[in-house]
Amino acid sequence: MTLRLEGVSHAYDGRAVLRDVDLELSEHRIGVIGANGSGKSTLARTLNGLVLPDSGRVLLDGLNTRRHAREIRRRVGFVFSDASAQIVMPTVAEDVAIGLRRSGLSADEQRARVDAVLERHGLAGHRDHPAHLLSGGQRQMLALASVLVTRPEVLVCDEPTTLLDLRNTAVIEETLRALPQQVVLLTHHLDALTAFDRVLVMDEGRVVFDGAPAEAIAYYTALMRPDADTGHTASGGPRPDAAGAQPDPGAEAGPRASGGGLRP
């Protein structure tokens, strides 16, 4: 199963947020990092058709998000940074169950699947509790469970730990590590990406680096470093080529991403 972006560009009110992005996403664990405003959230939303690009196309195994949005959203789940944006039903169990309304499962099958997901993610004891009374960490776990109950093949998570304390951040990150699904994780918690297969760095709407976690994190750190003697990116940091933070020239060649992307 492969997600592919071909020449994807997008703008809001005339401001470009994605610029001619080409990507093929097939690895089990993919991280996406970048400053606020770099385009990573818009990129994430194109993966399941929440955002349709102004130009270019996004494909899941050949299915185009413009024409097959329902099928793609069934296969590509999305978790937002603020769980309140996803929790829509009064109780915990009802919120998980809403995703199964069009599943074709019987009422008993739906209940069994809901109960299994709640048990797996530590929410069984809150089954009939008001969702808005959960703690921040529990609400984020509920948002995650409400997506996982539909059994997507891919899970796109847009900074799911941004509003959480350290303990709940660790719980969410450990949960994501254990999932069988392909995970695309946007995060500012760089330590969460050290065991990932691949990390993309975004800046000014482009993928400017594409490679292994250690090299990508080093590139991003250099990108964000203030330096009065170099040209600065729109995100506020110097370009790593000006700061001397280019990838090892002896590393493997052949970019997997264009639109300015580098791969070590």
Foldseek 3Di string as FASTA:
>chain_A
DKKWWAQFWADDPPATQAGGKTFIDDFQEEEEEEFVSLNPVVVLCLQLLVDAGPDTFMDDVNDTCVPPNVVSCLQEPEAEQQLVVQQDDFFLLVSLLVLCPPVPDDPVVSSVLSCVLCVVLVNNVRGGPGLVPDDRLVSLSSSVSSRCSSPHQEYEYEANCPPDDPVSVVSVLVVVVPDPHRYYYYHPPLVSQQPGQKYFYGGSNYGQEIEHSVLRVQQNVQLQDDDPVADHGPSNGHHCVRVVSDPDPVDDADDNMDPNYGYD
